[in-house]
């Protein structure tokens, strides 16, 4: 299994996270990206991908889902 590395904590500012990814991309350290963002005024969800076919998109999304699952387990560890 691939290790999931969080770019930032959930409390981080959005611009900080984007700047961290941008710095990695400028150094050529990003192979592909999947992005989802919720618009603050109308709730519309914006999605985008770069250099990712449908299989790579699924691969990236599965890691996001794994990260979410781990957060749910961590929040409920006393009940597990």
PDB file of N, CA and C in Angstrom:
ATOM      1  N   UNK A   1       0.842  -1.178   0.000  1.00  0.00           N
ATOM      2  CA  UNK A   1       0.000   0.000   0.000  1.00  0.00           C
ATOM      3  C   UNK A   1       0.889   1.244   0.000  1.00  0.00           C
ATOM      4  N   UNK A   2       0.442   2.241  -0.707  1.00  0.00           N
ATOM      5  CA  UNK A   2       1.174   3.497  -0.793  1.00  0.00           C
ATOM      6  C   UNK A   2       0.931   4.307   0.467  1.00  0.00           C
ATOM      7  N   UNK A   3       1.959   4.955   0.970  1.00  0.00           N
ATOM      8  CA  UNK A   3       1.829   5.799   2.149  1.00  0.00           C
ATOM      9  C   UNK A   3       1.098   7.087   1.775  1.00  0.00           C
ATOM     10  N   UNK A   4       0.161   7.501   2.621  1.00  0.00           N
ATOM     11  CA  UNK A   4      -0.550   8.764   2.427  1.00  0.00           C
ATOM     12  C   UNK A   4       0.174   9.829   3.232  1.00  0.00           C
ATOM     13  N   UNK A   5       0.602  10.872   2.563  1.00  0.00           N
ATOM     14  CA  UNK A   5       1.288  11.978   3.226  1.00  0.00           C
ATOM     15  C   UNK A   5       0.405  13.209   3.145  1.00  0.00           C
ATOM     16  N   UNK A   6      -0.019  13.699   4.283  1.00  0.00           N
ATOM     17  CA  UNK A   6      -0.863  14.900   4.297  1.00  0.00           C
ATOM     18  C   UNK A   6      -0.005  16.117   3.988  1.00  0.00           C
ATOM     19  N   UNK A   7      -0.502  16.964   3.102  1.00  0.00           N
ATOM     20  CA  UNK A   7       0.204  18.195   2.771  1.00  0.00           C
ATOM     21  C   UNK A   7       0.097  19.176   3.915  1.00  0.00           C
ATOM     22  N   UNK A   8      -1.059  19.242   4.529  1.00  0.00           N
ATOM     23  CA  UNK A   8      -1.305  20.189   5.610  1.00  0.00           C
ATOM     24  C   UNK A   8      -2.362  19.628   6.547  1.00  0.00           C
ATOM     25  N   UNK A   9      -2.526  20.267   7.679  1.00  0.00           N
ATOM     26  CA  UNK A   9      -3.568  19.872   8.610  1.00  0.00           C
ATOM     27  C   UNK A   9      -4.898  20.454   8.151  1.00  0.00           C
ATOM     28  N   UNK A  10      -6.014  19.904   8.626  1.00  0.00           N
ATOM     29  CA  UNK A  10      -7.319  20.441   8.216  1.00  0.00           C
ATOM     30  C   UNK A  10      -7.506  21.917   8.568  1.00  0.00           C
ATOM     31  N   UNK A  11      -6.769  22.421   9.527  1.00  0.00           N
ATOM     32  CA  UNK A  11      -6.917  23.810   9.938  1.00  0.00           C
ATOM     33  C   UNK A  11      -6.136  24.789   9.051  1.00  0.00           C
ATOM     34  N   UNK A  12      -5.343  24.250   8.140  1.00  0.00           N
ATOM     35  CA  UNK A  12      -4.499  25.106   7.308  1.00  0.00           C
ATOM     36  C   UNK A  12      -5.339  25.992   6.394  1.00  0.00           C
ATOM     37  N   UNK A  13      -4.778  27.096   6.027  1.00  0.00           N
ATOM     38  CA  UNK A  13      -5.427  28.005   5.092  1.00  0.00           C
ATOM     39  C   UNK A  13      -5.370  27.419   3.687  1.00  0.00           C
ATOM     40  N   UNK A  14      -6.410  27.642   2.928  1.00  0.00           N
ATOM     41  CA  UNK A  14      -6.508  27.085   1.578  1.00  0.00           C
ATOM     42  C   UNK A  14      -5.339  27.528   0.711  1.00  0.00           C
ATOM     43  N   UNK A  15      -4.999  28.798   0.767  1.00  0.00           N
ATOM     44  CA  UNK A  15      -3.915  29.319  -0.070  1.00  0.00           C
ATOM     45  C   UNK A  15      -2.593  28.648   0.288  1.00  0.00           C
ATOM     46  N   UNK A  16      -2.365  28.375   1.565  1.00  0.00           N
ATOM     47  CA  UNK A  16      -1.129  27.705   1.981  1.00  0.00           C
ATOM     48  C   UNK A  16      -1.012  26.320   1.351  1.00  0.00           C
ATOM     49  N   UNK A  17      -2.112  25.571   1.336  1.00  0.00           N
ATOM     50  CA  UNK A  17      -2.104  24.235   0.753  1.00  0.00           C
ATOM     51  C   UNK A  17      -1.822  24.321  -0.748  1.00  0.00           C
ATOM     52  N   UNK A  18      -2.498  25.243  -1.429  1.00  0.00           N
ATOM     53  CA  UNK A  18      -2.288  25.403  -2.872  1.00  0.00           C
ATOM     54  C   UNK A  18      -0.855  25.817  -3.170  1.00  0.00           C
ATOM     55  N   UNK A  19      -0.297  26.702  -2.351  1.00  0.00           N
ATOM     56  CA  UNK A  19       1.095  27.131  -2.559  1.00  0.00           C
ATOM     57  C   UNK A  19       2.073  25.979  -2.349  1.00  0.00           C
ATOM     58  N   UNK A  20       1.811  25.111  -1.379  1.00  0.00           N
ATOM     59  CA  UNK A  20       2.680  23.951  -1.162  1.00  0.00           C
ATOM     60  C   UNK A  20       2.668  23.037  -2.376  1.00  0.00           C
ATOM     61  N   UNK A  21       1.480  22.772  -2.913  1.00  0.00           N
ATOM     62  CA  UNK A  21       1.370  21.935  -4.109  1.00  0.00           C
ATOM     63  C   UNK A  21       2.033  22.613  -5.300  1.00  0.00           C
ATOM     64  N   UNK A  22       1.825  23.908  -5.449  1.00  0.00           N
ATOM     65  CA  UNK A  22       2.421  24.660  -6.552  1.00  0.00           C
ATOM     66  C   UNK A  22       3.946  24.605  -6.493  1.00  0.00           C
ATOM     67  N   UNK A  23       4.510  24.739  -5.301  1.00  0.00           N
ATOM     68  CA  UNK A  23       5.972  24.643  -5.152  1.00  0.00           C
ATOM     69  C   UNK A  23       6.481  23.269  -5.588  1.00  0.00           C
ATOM     70  N   UNK A  24       5.777  22.211  -5.176  1.00  0.00           N
ATOM     71  CA  UNK A  24       6.161  20.864  -5.587  1.00  0.00           C
ATOM     72  C   UNK A  24       6.065  20.718  -7.104  1.00  0.00           C
ATOM     73  N   UNK A  25       4.992  21.247  -7.684  1.00  0.00           N
ATOM     74  CA  UNK A  25       4.807  21.150  -9.143  1.00  0.00           C
ATOM     75  C   UNK A  25       5.898  21.916  -9.889  1.00  0.00           C
ATOM     76  N   UNK A  26       6.266  23.077  -9.400  1.00  0.00           N
ATOM     77  CA  UNK A  26       7.316  23.876 -10.048  1.00  0.00           C
ATOM     78  C   UNK A  26       8.652  23.152 -10.038  1.00  0.00           C
ATOM     79  N   UNK A  27       8.880  22.333  -9.009  1.00  0.00           N
ATOM     80  CA  UNK A  27      10.122  21.556  -8.922  1.00  0.00           C
ATOM     81  C   UNK A  27      10.016  20.235  -9.688  1.00  0.00           C
ATOM     82  N   UNK A  28       8.884  20.004 -10.328  1.00  0.00           N
ATOM     83  CA  UNK A  28       8.697  18.776 -11.102  1.00  0.00           C
ATOM     84  C   UNK A  28       8.414  17.559 -10.249  1.00  0.00           C
ATOM     85  N   UNK A  29       7.954  17.748  -9.024  1.00  0.00           N
ATOM     86  CA  UNK A  29       7.728  16.641  -8.100  1.00  0.00           C
ATOM     87  C   UNK A  29       6.290  16.131  -8.100  1.00  0.00           C
ATOM     88  N   UNK A  30       5.436  16.704  -8.916  1.00  0.00           N
ATOM     89  CA  UNK A  30       4.042  16.277  -9.000  1.00  0.00           C
ATOM     90  C   UNK A  30       3.822  15.598 -10.343  1.00  0.00           C
ATOM     91  N   UNK A  31       3.383  14.347 -10.308  1.00  0.00           N
ATOM     92  CA  UNK A  31       3.117  13.594 -11.542  1.00  0.00           C
ATOM     93  C   UNK A  31       1.741  13.925 -12.109  1.00  0.00           C
ATOM     94  N   UNK A  32       0.740  13.988 -11.232  1.00  0.00           N
ATOM     95  CA  UNK A  32      -0.613  14.316 -11.639  1.00  0.00           C
ATOM     96  C   UNK A  32      -1.362  14.861 -10.428  1.00  0.00           C
ATOM     97  N   UNK A  33      -2.567  15.375 -10.672  1.00  0.00           N
ATOM     98  CA  UNK A  33      -3.320  15.969  -9.569  1.00  0.00           C
ATOM     99  C   UNK A  33      -4.807  15.807  -9.813  1.00  0.00           C
ATOM    100  N   UNK A  34      -5.544  15.641  -8.737  1.00  0.00           N
ATOM    101  CA  UNK A  34      -7.003  15.657  -8.745  1.00  0.00           C
ATOM    102  C   UNK A  34      -7.420  16.691  -7.694  1.00  0.00           C
ATOM    103  N   UNK A  35      -8.373  17.503  -8.057  1.00  0.00           N
ATOM    104  CA  UNK A  35      -8.750  18.616  -7.191  1.00  0.00           C
ATOM    105  C   UNK A  35     -10.264  18.711  -7.090  1.00  0.00           C
ATOM    106  N   UNK A  36     -10.757  18.961  -5.903  1.00  0.00           N
ATOM    107  CA  UNK A  36     -12.171  19.261  -5.692  1.00  0.00           C
ATOM    108  C   UNK A  36     -12.238  20.401  -4.691  1.00  0.00           C
ATOM    109  N   UNK A  37     -13.079  21.375  -4.970  1.00  0.00           N
ATOM    110  CA  UNK A  37     -13.215  22.525  -4.090  1.00  0.00           C
ATOM    111  C   UNK A  37     -14.667  22.986  -4.073  1.00  0.00           C
ATOM    112  N   UNK A  38     -15.133  23.377  -2.895  1.00  0.00           N
ATOM    113  CA  UNK A  38     -16.506  23.872  -2.778  1.00  0.00           C
ATOM    114  C   UNK A  38     -16.499  25.391  -2.813  1.00  0.00           C
ATOM    115  N   UNK A  39     -17.305  25.947  -3.702  1.00  0.00           N
ATOM    116  CA  UNK A  39     -17.418  27.401  -3.835  1.00  0.00           C
ATOM    117  C   UNK A  39     -18.071  27.951  -2.572  1.00  0.00           C
ATOM    118  N   UNK A  40     -17.523  29.038  -2.024  1.00  0.00           N
ATOM    119  CA  UNK A  40     -17.992  29.550  -0.737  1.00  0.00           C
ATOM    120  C   UNK A  40     -19.369  30.207  -0.790  1.00  0.00           C
ATOM    121  N   UNK A  41     -19.775  30.735  -1.932  1.00  0.00           N
ATOM    122  CA  UNK A  41     -21.052  31.466  -1.950  1.00  0.00           C
ATOM    123  C   UNK A  41     -22.230  30.649  -2.459  1.00  0.00           C
ATOM    124  N   UNK A  42     -21.993  29.682  -3.333  1.00  0.00           N
ATOM    125  CA  UNK A  42     -23.138  28.957  -3.886  1.00  0.00           C
ATOM    126  C   UNK A  42     -23.105  27.448  -3.653  1.00  0.00           C
ATOM    127  N   UNK A  43     -22.059  26.946  -3.010  1.00  0.00           N
ATOM    128  CA  UNK A  43     -21.972  25.523  -2.695  1.00  0.00           C
ATOM    129  C   UNK A  43     -21.616  24.630  -3.868  1.00  0.00           C
ATOM    130  N   UNK A  44     -21.405  25.219  -5.040  1.00  0.00           N
ATOM    131  CA  UNK A  44     -21.019  24.430  -6.212  1.00  0.00           C
ATOM    132  C   UNK A  44     -19.664  23.769  -5.965  1.00  0.00           C
ATOM    133  N   UNK A  45     -19.546  22.523  -6.373  1.00  0.00           N
ATOM    134  CA  UNK A  45     -18.271  21.820  -6.228  1.00  0.00           C
ATOM    135  C   UNK A  45     -17.535  21.873  -7.560  1.00  0.00           C
ATOM    136  N   UNK A  46     -16.339  22.391  -7.513  1.00  0.00           N
ATOM    137  CA  UNK A  46     -15.483  22.504  -8.684  1.00  0.00           C
ATOM    138  C   UNK A  46     -14.510  21.342  -8.665  1.00  0.00           C
ATOM    139  N   UNK A  47     -14.359  20.664  -9.778  1.00  0.00           N
ATOM    140  CA  UNK A  47     -13.395  19.573  -9.859  1.00  0.00           C
ATOM    141  C   UNK A  47     -12.465  19.791 -11.033  1.00  0.00           C
ATOM    142  N   UNK A  48     -11.274  19.274 -10.899  1.00  0.00           N
ATOM    143  CA  UNK A  48     -10.329  19.381 -11.991  1.00  0.00           C
ATOM    144  C   UNK A  48      -9.242  18.330 -11.861  1.00  0.00           C
ATOM    145  N   UNK A  49      -8.644  18.014 -12.982  1.00  0.00           N
ATOM    146  CA  UNK A  49      -7.587  17.011 -13.038  1.00  0.00           C
ATOM    147  C   UNK A  49      -6.518  17.502 -13.990  1.00  0.00           C
ATOM    148  N   UNK A  50      -5.306  17.113 -13.730  1.00  0.00           N
ATOM    149  CA  UNK A  50      -4.221  17.413 -14.664  1.00  0.00           C
ATOM    150  C   UNK A  50      -3.352  16.176 -14.809  1.00  0.00           C
ATOM    151  N   UNK A  51      -3.073  15.827 -16.042  1.00  0.00           N
ATOM    152  CA  UNK A  51      -2.213  14.696 -16.370  1.00  0.00           C
ATOM    153  C   UNK A  51      -2.687  13.403 -15.707  1.00  0.00           C
ATOM    154  N   UNK A  52      -4.017  13.210 -15.672  1.00  0.00           N
ATOM    155  CA  UNK A  52      -4.571  12.021 -15.023  1.00  0.00           C
ATOM    156  C   UNK A  52      -5.706  11.453 -15.868  1.00  0.00           C
ATOM    157  N   UNK A  53      -5.506  10.227 -16.342  1.00  0.00           N
ATOM    158  CA  UNK A  53      -6.601   9.568 -17.049  1.00  0.00           C
ATOM    159  C   UNK A  53      -7.579   9.019 -16.007  1.00  0.00           C
ATOM    160  N   UNK A  54      -8.608   8.339 -16.451  1.00  0.00           N
ATOM    161  CA  UNK A  54      -9.643   7.882 -15.529  1.00  0.00           C
ATOM    162  C   UNK A  54      -9.084   6.922 -14.473  1.00  0.00           C
ATOM    163  N   UNK A  55      -8.157   6.072 -14.836  1.00  0.00           N
ATOM    164  CA  UNK A  55      -7.553   5.150 -13.863  1.00  0.00           C
ATOM    165  C   UNK A  55      -6.733   5.902 -12.823  1.00  0.00           C
ATOM    166  N   UNK A  56      -5.966   6.869 -13.260  1.00  0.00           N
ATOM    167  CA  UNK A  56      -5.161   7.655 -12.319  1.00  0.00           C
ATOM    168  C   UNK A  56      -6.049   8.512 -11.415  1.00  0.00           C
ATOM    169  N   UNK A  57      -7.147   9.016 -11.950  1.00  0.00           N
ATOM    170  CA  UNK A  57      -8.096   9.775 -11.119  1.00  0.00           C
ATOM    171  C   UNK A  57      -8.649   8.888 -10.006  1.00  0.00           C
ATOM    172  N   UNK A  58      -9.037   7.659 -10.366  1.00  0.00           N
ATOM    173  CA  UNK A  58      -9.561   6.732  -9.366  1.00  0.00           C
ATOM    174  C   UNK A  58      -8.494   6.403  -8.325  1.00  0.00           C
ATOM    175  N   UNK A  59      -7.277   6.211  -8.771  1.00  0.00           N
ATOM    176  CA  UNK A  59      -6.157   5.925  -7.873  1.00  0.00           C
ATOM    177  C   UNK A  59      -5.974   7.065  -6.867  1.00  0.00           C
ATOM    178  N   UNK A  60      -5.985   8.301  -7.359  1.00  0.00           N
ATOM    179  CA  UNK A  60      -5.826   9.457  -6.476  1.00  0.00           C
ATOM    180  C   UNK A  60      -7.002   9.573  -5.506  1.00  0.00           C
ATOM    181  N   UNK A  61      -8.222   9.384  -6.021  1.00  0.00           N
ATOM    182  CA  UNK A  61      -9.407   9.496  -5.168  1.00  0.00           C
ATOM    183  C   UNK A  61      -9.447   8.401  -4.101  1.00  0.00           C
ATOM    184  N   UNK A  62      -8.942   7.215  -4.431  1.00  0.00           N
ATOM    185  CA  UNK A  62      -8.938   6.138  -3.437  1.00  0.00           C
ATOM    186  C   UNK A  62      -8.030   6.487  -2.263  1.00  0.00           C
ATOM    187  N   UNK A  63      -6.973   7.233  -2.522  1.00  0.00           N
ATOM    188  CA  UNK A  63      -6.101   7.656  -1.429  1.00  0.00           C
ATOM    189  C   UNK A  63      -6.757   8.732  -0.576  1.00  0.00           C
ATOM    190  N   UNK A  64      -7.531   9.595  -1.190  1.00  0.00           N
ATOM    191  CA  UNK A  64      -8.285  10.576  -0.407  1.00  0.00           C
ATOM    192  C   UNK A  64      -9.304   9.854   0.465  1.00  0.00           C
ATOM    193  N   UNK A  65      -9.990   8.864  -0.106  1.00  0.00           N
ATOM    194  CA  UNK A  65     -10.965   8.099   0.667  1.00  0.00           C
ATOM    195  C   UNK A  65     -10.297   7.351   1.816  1.00  0.00           C
ATOM    196  N   UNK A  66      -9.105   6.809   1.588  1.00  0.00           N
ATOM    197  CA  UNK A  66      -8.370   6.131   2.657  1.00  0.00           C
ATOM    198  C   UNK A  66      -8.016   7.106   3.780  1.00  0.00           C
ATOM    199  N   UNK A  67      -7.626   8.300   3.422  1.00  0.00           N
ATOM    200  CA  UNK A  67      -7.299   9.329   4.406  1.00  0.00           C
ATOM    201  C   UNK A  67      -8.535   9.674   5.243  1.00  0.00           C
ATOM    202  N   UNK A  68      -9.688   9.800   4.592  1.00  0.00           N
ATOM    203  CA  UNK A  68     -10.939  10.089   5.295  1.00  0.00           C
ATOM    204  C   UNK A  68     -11.298   8.947   6.235  1.00  0.00           C
ATOM    205  N   UNK A  69     -11.162   7.720   5.771  1.00  0.00           N
ATOM    206  CA  UNK A  69     -11.470   6.561   6.602  1.00  0.00           C
ATOM    207  C   UNK A  69     -10.579   6.531   7.839  1.00  0.00           C
ATOM    208  N   UNK A  70      -9.298   6.810   7.667  1.00  0.00           N
ATOM    209  CA  UNK A  70      -8.379   6.842   8.818  1.00  0.00           C
ATOM    210  C   UNK A  70      -8.775   7.937   9.809  1.00  0.00           C
ATOM    211  N   UNK A  71      -9.220   9.080   9.320  1.00  0.00           N
ATOM    212  CA  UNK A  71      -9.656  10.158  10.210  1.00  0.00           C
ATOM    213  C   UNK A  71     -10.902   9.745  10.996  1.00  0.00           C
ATOM    214  N   UNK A  72     -11.815   9.031  10.357  1.00  0.00           N
ATOM    215  CA  UNK A  72     -13.020   8.544  11.031  1.00  0.00           C
ATOM    216  C   UNK A  72     -12.650   7.537  12.120  1.00  0.00           C
ATOM    217  N   UNK A  73     -11.750   6.626  11.787  1.00  0.00           N
ATOM    218  CA  UNK A  73     -11.299   5.635  12.780  1.00  0.00           C
ATOM    219  C   UNK A  73     -10.612   6.333  13.952  1.00  0.00           C
ATOM    220  N   UNK A  74      -9.741   7.283  13.655  1.00  0.00           N
ATOM    221  CA  UNK A  74      -9.018   8.005  14.715  1.00  0.00           C
ATOM    222  C   UNK A  74      -9.989   8.754  15.627  1.00  0.00           C
ATOM    223  N   UNK A  75     -11.030   9.346  15.061  1.00  0.00           N
ATOM    224  CA  UNK A  75     -12.002  10.084  15.857  1.00  0.00           C
ATOM    225  C   UNK A  75     -12.854   9.184  16.736  1.00  0.00           C
ATOM    226  N   UNK A  76     -12.920   7.908  16.386  1.00  0.00           N
ATOM    227  CA  UNK A  76     -13.758   6.970  17.115  1.00  0.00           C
ATOM    228  C   UNK A  76     -12.978   5.813  17.716  1.00  0.00           C
ATOM    229  N   UNK A  77     -11.685   5.994  17.908  1.00  0.00           N
ATOM    230  CA  UNK A  77     -10.818   4.897  18.319  1.00  0.00           C
ATOM    231  C   UNK A  77     -11.240   4.308  19.670  1.00  0.00           C
ATOM    232  N   UNK A  78     -11.816   5.109  20.535  1.00  0.00           N
ATOM    233  CA  UNK A  78     -12.243   4.612  21.834  1.00  0.00           C
ATOM    234  C   UNK A  78     -13.381   3.602  21.701  1.00  0.00           C
ATOM    235  N   UNK A  79     -14.136   3.691  20.622  1.00  0.00           N
ATOM    236  CA  UNK A  79     -15.270   2.797  20.414  1.00  0.00           C
ATOM    237  C   UNK A  79     -14.907   1.564  19.606  1.00  0.00           C
ATOM    238  N   UNK A  80     -13.716   1.570  19.022  1.00  0.00           N
ATOM    239  CA  UNK A  80     -13.319   0.450  18.172  1.00  0.00           C
ATOM    240  C   UNK A  80     -12.809  -0.693  19.002  1.00  0.00           C
TER     241      UNK A  80
END
